[in-house]
Amino acid sequence: MAKRVASSLYQFRETFRVVNKDVLRWFPGHMGKGLKQMQQRLKLVDCVIEVHDARIPLSGRNPNFRYTVSGVKPHILVLNKKDLADLQMRSEMEDILRKYGYHHIIFTNCKDNKCPGVKQIIPTVAGLVSASERYNRSEEKDFCVMVIGVPNVGKSSLINVLRTKHLGRGKAAPVGATAGITRSVQNRIKVSENPLVYLLDTPGILTPNVPDIETGLRLALCACLQDHLVGIETIADYLLYWLNKNNQFRYVDVMGLEEPTDSIGTLLIKVALKLGKTQRKRDISGNGYVEIPDLPAAAYHFIKAFRNGDLGKLMLDTQQQAS
């Protein structure tokens, strides 16, 4: 069905509207504390690795990092989760990011220690640091690298895969599917013996104000914001809106629908019924209970399909955002 859909036969929304805009001011206290810690530790660092989600290379970028954290240190941009991203726009996005000052860009899948991008990271660090002015660290034999980025883009996963690849050791940094699991700057973690490289894991830092509604929703869709802060059904509705707008109809087959829909209510009811998910609610009289479709469970199922790549490899950002 998905390949046969003719979008011209359907009328989809031109814009996405959301009522609650307060979520875009989300900046938990531990983020402010973490940013200060990062700045204080910067003098002990030779290089900065900034990690983003490859599906949102523009929306996921915290522009303040270039001024508040990295400074004059060598800077590497790692676009992680490339296995979930549509890389047909890769060269265009790299051109845009270079205009923003990112000249060393590596695409990775940190769940795969054989990933070519993962293999590039330590040699790139060694080359950049060796060619740079290390100032107070010029006599040190080890390289110290700070790993920064917005929440839940794979910073801890990057540290762990580098340890596994270069040292054959297990996990040293906690990993989770929830944004904000790392809440402070961690101690130095050894990831390579030759060259001798240590990494500092840091908490995910967002800008105090996400610039616009859709940027915030793209961050939420990629789990860079916690689901409950935005609302699981709102995130699902934005996903449906984006898929329809960009002629991505694989969800029709994956969700077991007969045809595309622009109504998130219709989609969630059908998905809940298909999954057999219901909620027990009091009836109108208040004297008994009725079983109704569990819409939050259906919304999570829909979003999870996107996050797992079941809806296809997608890039949520577009060139138009940079203009």
Protein backbone atom coordinates (compact mmCIF):
# COMPACT_ATOMS: atom_id res chain seq x y z
CA MET A 1 0.00 0.00 0.00
CA ALA A 2 2.66 2.55 1.06
CA LYS A 3 4.37 2.58 -2.32
CA ARG A 4 1.07 2.98 -4.18
CA VAL A 5 -0.21 6.02 -2.27
CA ALA A 6 -0.86 9.06 -4.43
CA SER A 7 -0.59 12.01 -2.03
CA SER A 8 -2.54 14.21 -4.45
CA LEU A 9 -5.67 12.21 -3.59
CA TYR A 10 -5.54 13.31 0.04
CA GLN A 11 -5.77 16.67 1.77
CA PHE A 12 -3.16 16.92 4.51
CA ARG A 13 -2.42 19.76 6.93
CA GLU A 14 -0.16 22.52 5.66
CA THR A 15 1.03 23.54 9.14
CA PHE A 16 1.21 21.96 12.57
CA ARG A 17 -0.42 23.70 15.51
CA VAL A 18 0.22 22.93 19.16
CA VAL A 19 -1.49 24.56 22.12
CA ASN A 20 1.09 24.22 24.91
CA LYS A 21 4.26 26.12 24.07
CA ASP A 22 5.69 26.10 27.61
CA VAL A 23 7.73 22.97 26.92
CA LEU A 24 10.08 24.96 24.71
CA ARG A 25 11.42 26.70 27.82
CA TRP A 26 12.52 23.39 29.36
CA PHE A 27 16.00 23.74 30.89
CA PRO A 28 16.33 21.59 34.05
CA GLY A 29 18.63 22.74 36.83
CA HIS A 30 21.12 19.93 36.24
CA MET A 31 21.68 21.27 32.70
CA GLY A 32 22.75 24.68 33.97
CA LYS A 33 25.00 23.02 36.56
CA GLY A 34 26.43 20.69 33.94
CA LEU A 35 27.24 23.55 31.57
CA LYS A 36 29.20 25.33 34.32
CA GLN A 37 31.10 22.14 35.10
CA MET A 38 31.96 21.70 31.44
CA GLN A 39 33.32 25.23 31.21
CA GLN A 40 35.41 24.73 34.35
CA ARG A 41 36.94 21.51 33.02
CA LEU A 42 37.70 22.94 29.58
CA LYS A 43 41.28 23.89 30.51
CA LEU A 44 42.00 20.19 31.10
CA VAL A 45 40.69 19.23 27.64
CA ASP A 46 42.56 18.93 24.33
CA CYS A 47 39.60 18.35 22.01
CA VAL A 48 35.81 18.48 22.01
CA ILE A 49 33.57 15.86 20.37
CA GLU A 50 30.04 17.15 19.83
CA VAL A 51 27.44 14.43 19.23
CA HIS A 52 24.09 14.91 17.45
CA ASP A 53 21.35 12.66 16.11
CA ALA A 54 21.89 12.24 12.34
CA ARG A 55 18.12 12.52 11.78
CA ILE A 56 18.17 16.11 13.10
CA PRO A 57 21.64 17.49 12.23
CA LEU A 58 20.33 21.08 12.39
CA SER A 59 17.58 20.89 15.01
CA GLY A 60 19.80 18.88 17.34
CA ARG A 61 22.63 21.40 17.23
CA ASN A 62 23.14 23.62 20.28
CA PRO A 63 24.85 26.68 18.68
CA ASN A 64 25.99 27.92 22.09
CA PHE A 65 28.49 25.07 22.34
CA ARG A 66 30.72 26.78 19.81
CA TYR A 67 31.10 29.75 22.15
CA THR A 68 30.50 28.48 25.70
CA VAL A 69 32.27 25.12 25.62
CA SER A 70 34.51 24.46 22.65
CA GLY A 71 36.26 27.81 22.37
CA VAL A 72 39.53 27.43 20.49
CA LYS A 73 39.81 23.68 21.11
CA PRO A 74 39.82 21.28 18.13
CA HIS A 75 36.20 20.32 17.48
CA ILE A 76 34.73 17.16 15.94
CA LEU A 77 31.05 16.82 15.08
CA VAL A 78 29.73 13.25 15.29
CA LEU A 79 26.32 12.61 13.73
CA ASN A 80 25.21 9.41 15.42
CA LYS A 81 22.37 6.97 14.65
CA LYS A 82 23.18 7.12 10.94
CA ASP A 83 21.55 3.69 10.60
CA LEU A 84 18.18 5.42 11.21
CA ALA A 85 18.79 8.45 8.98
CA ASP A 86 18.16 9.07 5.29
CA LEU A 87 21.68 9.88 4.12
CA GLN A 88 20.68 11.00 0.63
CA MET A 89 20.93 14.55 2.00
CA ARG A 90 24.29 13.93 3.62
CA SER A 91 26.42 16.14 1.37
CA GLU A 92 23.91 19.00 1.52
CA MET A 93 23.81 18.87 5.33
CA GLU A 94 27.61 18.72 5.54
CA ASP A 95 27.82 21.88 3.40
CA ILE A 96 25.37 23.65 5.72
CA LEU A 97 27.23 22.55 8.84
CA ARG A 98 30.55 23.72 7.44
CA LYS A 99 29.03 27.18 7.05
CA TYR A 100 28.29 26.98 10.78
CA GLY A 101 31.97 26.29 11.46
CA TYR A 102 32.00 22.47 11.63
CA HIS A 103 34.87 21.19 9.48
CA HIS A 104 35.38 17.68 10.89
CA ILE A 105 32.10 15.75 10.53
CA ILE A 106 31.81 11.99 11.14
CA PHE A 107 28.67 9.87 10.73
CA THR A 108 28.42 6.93 13.14
CA ASN A 109 26.30 4.06 14.39
CA CYS A 110 27.59 3.58 17.93
CA LYS A 111 25.75 0.28 18.30
CA ASP A 112 28.18 -1.19 15.77
CA ASN A 113 31.87 -1.32 16.78
CA LYS A 114 32.72 -2.15 13.15
CA CYS A 115 31.20 1.12 11.93
CA PRO A 116 33.69 2.99 9.67
CA GLY A 117 32.80 6.26 11.41
CA VAL A 118 33.63 4.83 14.83
CA LYS A 119 37.01 3.72 13.46
CA GLN A 120 37.78 7.30 12.35
CA ILE A 121 37.27 8.99 15.71
CA ILE A 122 40.48 8.21 17.63
CA PRO A 123 42.80 8.83 14.63
CA THR A 124 40.97 12.13 13.95
CA VAL A 125 41.36 13.17 17.59
CA ALA A 126 45.06 12.29 17.56
CA GLY A 127 45.67 14.20 14.35
CA LEU A 128 43.83 17.35 15.42
CA VAL A 129 45.35 17.47 18.90
CA SER A 130 48.89 16.84 17.63
CA ALA A 131 48.51 19.72 15.17
CA SER A 132 47.05 22.14 17.74
CA GLU A 133 48.48 24.45 20.38
CA ARG A 134 47.84 22.58 23.63
CA TYR A 135 48.92 25.45 25.91
CA ASN A 136 48.99 24.22 29.52
CA ARG A 137 48.75 20.59 28.37
CA SER A 138 51.65 20.65 25.94
CA GLU A 139 53.78 18.36 28.15
CA GLU A 140 51.02 15.80 28.76
CA LYS A 141 51.34 12.45 26.97
CA ASP A 142 47.64 11.65 27.07
CA PHE A 143 44.83 13.26 25.06
CA CYS A 144 41.76 14.35 27.02
CA VAL A 145 38.51 14.74 25.07
CA MET A 146 35.20 16.16 26.28
CA VAL A 147 32.05 14.61 24.76
CA ILE A 148 29.14 17.07 24.57
CA GLY A 149 25.72 17.23 22.94
CA VAL A 150 21.98 17.50 23.48
CA PRO A 151 20.26 14.72 25.51
CA ASN A 152 19.94 11.14 24.26
CA VAL A 153 22.00 11.38 21.08
CA GLY A 154 24.47 8.65 22.05
CA LYS A 155 27.30 10.35 23.94
CA SER A 156 27.63 7.53 26.48
CA SER A 157 27.19 4.93 23.72
CA LEU A 158 30.08 6.54 21.84
CA ILE A 159 32.34 6.26 24.88
CA ASN A 160 31.38 2.63 25.42
CA VAL A 161 31.87 1.56 21.80
CA LEU A 162 35.31 3.21 21.72
CA ARG A 163 36.32 1.35 24.89
CA THR A 164 35.10 -1.91 23.43
CA LYS A 165 36.89 -1.35 20.13
CA HIS A 166 40.23 -0.06 21.41
CA LEU A 167 40.51 -1.68 24.85
CA GLY A 168 38.20 -4.69 24.62
CA ARG A 169 36.46 -3.55 27.81
CA GLY A 170 32.81 -3.26 28.81
CA LYS A 171 30.61 -0.28 29.49
CA ALA A 172 31.95 2.62 31.55
CA ALA A 173 29.16 5.16 30.98
CA PRO A 174 25.43 4.61 31.70
CA VAL A 175 23.19 4.28 28.65
CA GLY A 176 19.41 4.65 28.53
CA ALA A 177 16.52 5.47 26.21
CA THR A 178 15.42 8.40 28.39
CA ALA A 179 16.79 11.90 27.82
CA GLY A 180 18.94 13.21 30.64
CA ILE A 181 20.37 9.99 32.14
CA THR A 182 23.85 11.56 32.54
CA ARG A 183 23.40 14.44 34.98
CA SER A 184 26.93 15.69 35.69
CA VAL A 185 30.42 15.76 34.18
CA GLN A 186 31.91 12.30 34.77
CA ASN A 187 35.49 11.37 35.70
CA ARG A 188 37.96 10.66 32.92
CA ILE A 189 37.26 7.39 31.09
CA LYS A 190 40.09 5.62 29.28
CA VAL A 191 39.12 4.58 25.75
CA SER A 192 42.46 4.00 23.99
CA GLU A 193 45.98 2.91 24.95
CA ASN A 194 47.89 3.92 21.83
CA PRO A 195 47.38 6.80 21.53
CA LEU A 196 46.46 7.27 25.19
CA VAL A 197 43.01 8.88 25.10
CA TYR A 198 40.62 9.71 27.92
CA LEU A 199 37.05 10.95 27.44
CA LEU A 200 34.83 13.01 29.71
CA ASP A 201 31.11 12.18 29.54
CA THR A 202 28.80 15.16 30.14
CA PRO A 203 25.07 15.76 30.66
CA GLY A 204 22.95 16.54 27.63
CA ILE A 205 22.57 20.30 27.31
CA LEU A 206 19.77 22.04 25.42
CA THR A 207 19.57 25.75 24.82
CA PRO A 208 17.41 27.47 27.51
CA ASN A 209 14.82 28.20 24.82
CA VAL A 210 14.25 25.93 21.83
CA PRO A 211 13.87 28.42 18.95
CA ASP A 212 10.53 27.30 17.49
CA ILE A 213 7.71 24.80 17.90
CA GLU A 214 8.76 22.40 15.15
CA THR A 215 12.38 22.31 16.31
CA GLY A 216 11.14 21.32 19.74
CA LEU A 217 8.87 18.65 18.30
CA ARG A 218 11.68 17.18 16.18
CA LEU A 219 13.84 17.02 19.31
CA ALA A 220 10.98 15.31 21.18
CA LEU A 221 10.39 12.86 18.34
CA CYS A 222 14.05 11.79 18.52
CA ALA A 223 13.75 11.49 22.34
CA CYS A 224 15.99 14.49 23.07
CA LEU A 225 13.13 15.79 25.23
CA GLN A 226 11.34 13.50 27.65
CA ASP A 227 8.01 12.32 26.23
CA HIS A 228 5.86 13.43 29.16
CA LEU A 229 7.09 17.02 28.91
CA VAL A 230 5.61 17.41 25.43
CA GLY A 231 2.84 14.84 25.59
CA ILE A 232 3.01 11.47 23.88
CA GLU A 233 -0.08 12.11 21.72
CA THR A 234 1.25 15.50 20.62
CA ILE A 235 4.52 13.90 19.53
CA ALA A 236 2.60 11.19 17.65
CA ASP A 237 0.45 13.83 15.94
CA TYR A 238 3.55 15.72 14.80
CA LEU A 239 5.03 12.47 13.45
CA LEU A 240 1.87 11.83 11.43
CA TYR A 241 1.88 15.42 10.15
CA TRP A 242 5.57 15.19 9.12
CA LEU A 243 5.19 11.84 7.38
CA ASN A 244 2.21 13.01 5.34
CA LYS A 245 3.83 16.32 4.47
CA ASN A 246 6.93 14.55 3.21
CA ASN A 247 5.07 11.81 1.30
CA GLN A 248 6.29 9.07 3.62
CA PHE A 249 3.44 6.57 3.78
CA ARG A 250 5.15 3.45 5.04
CA TYR A 251 3.24 3.95 8.30
CA VAL A 252 0.07 2.80 6.51
CA ASP A 253 1.43 -0.74 6.24
CA VAL A 254 3.36 -0.77 9.52
CA MET A 255 0.37 0.45 11.56
CA GLY A 256 -2.06 -1.82 9.71
CA LEU A 257 -4.17 0.96 8.17
CA GLU A 258 -6.17 0.77 4.96
CA GLU A 259 -5.08 4.20 3.73
CA PRO A 260 -3.26 7.36 4.92
CA THR A 261 -5.01 9.60 7.41
CA ASP A 262 -4.51 13.15 8.62
CA SER A 263 -6.35 12.46 11.86
CA ILE A 264 -4.19 11.30 14.76
CA GLY A 265 -7.36 10.25 16.60
CA THR A 266 -8.34 7.90 13.79
CA LEU A 267 -4.86 6.42 13.61
CA LEU A 268 -4.53 5.89 17.37
CA ILE A 269 -7.95 4.28 17.74
CA LYS A 270 -7.21 1.81 14.94
CA VAL A 271 -3.76 1.02 16.33
CA ALA A 272 -5.09 0.55 19.87
CA LEU A 273 -7.80 -1.83 18.62
CA LYS A 274 -5.25 -3.76 16.55
CA LEU A 275 -2.97 -4.13 19.59
CA GLY A 276 -5.85 -4.94 21.92
CA LYS A 277 -4.89 -2.03 24.17
CA THR A 278 -7.73 -0.61 26.25
CA GLN A 279 -8.27 1.56 29.31
CA ARG A 280 -10.98 1.05 31.93
CA LYS A 281 -12.93 4.27 32.52
CA ARG A 282 -16.06 5.16 34.44
CA ASP A 283 -19.10 5.52 32.24
CA ILE A 284 -21.15 8.71 31.97
CA SER A 285 -23.50 7.68 34.79
CA GLY A 286 -20.59 7.08 37.14
CA ASN A 287 -22.09 3.78 38.23
CA GLY A 288 -20.04 1.47 36.05
CA TYR A 289 -17.03 1.11 33.81
CA VAL A 290 -16.42 0.89 30.09
CA GLU A 291 -13.41 -0.23 28.05
CA ILE A 292 -12.06 2.41 25.66
CA PRO A 293 -9.05 2.34 23.28
CA ASP A 294 -5.76 3.15 25.06
CA LEU A 295 -4.63 6.10 22.95
CA PRO A 296 -1.39 6.85 24.87
CA ALA A 297 -0.26 3.22 24.39
CA ALA A 298 -1.06 3.46 20.68
CA ALA A 299 0.81 6.78 20.43
CA TYR A 300 3.88 5.25 22.04
CA HIS A 301 3.70 2.28 19.65
CA PHE A 302 3.61 4.68 16.67
CA ILE A 303 6.52 6.77 17.96
CA LYS A 304 8.55 3.68 18.83
CA ALA A 305 8.16 2.49 15.23
CA PHE A 306 9.81 5.73 14.09
CA ARG A 307 12.58 5.57 16.69
CA ASN A 308 13.37 1.96 15.79
CA GLY A 309 13.53 2.74 12.06
CA ASP A 310 10.44 0.67 11.21
CA LEU A 311 8.96 3.61 9.27
CA GLY A 312 12.07 3.85 7.10
CA LYS A 313 15.29 5.83 7.23
CA LEU A 314 14.31 9.47 7.63
CA MET A 315 15.92 12.88 8.06
CA LEU A 316 13.56 15.29 9.77
CA ASP A 317 15.59 18.41 8.98
CA THR A 318 15.53 20.12 5.59
CA GLN A 319 17.76 22.53 3.72
CA GLN A 320 15.10 25.23 4.08
CA GLN A 321 15.80 25.44 7.82
CA ALA A 322 19.25 26.85 7.15
CA SER A 323 17.97 29.65 4.94
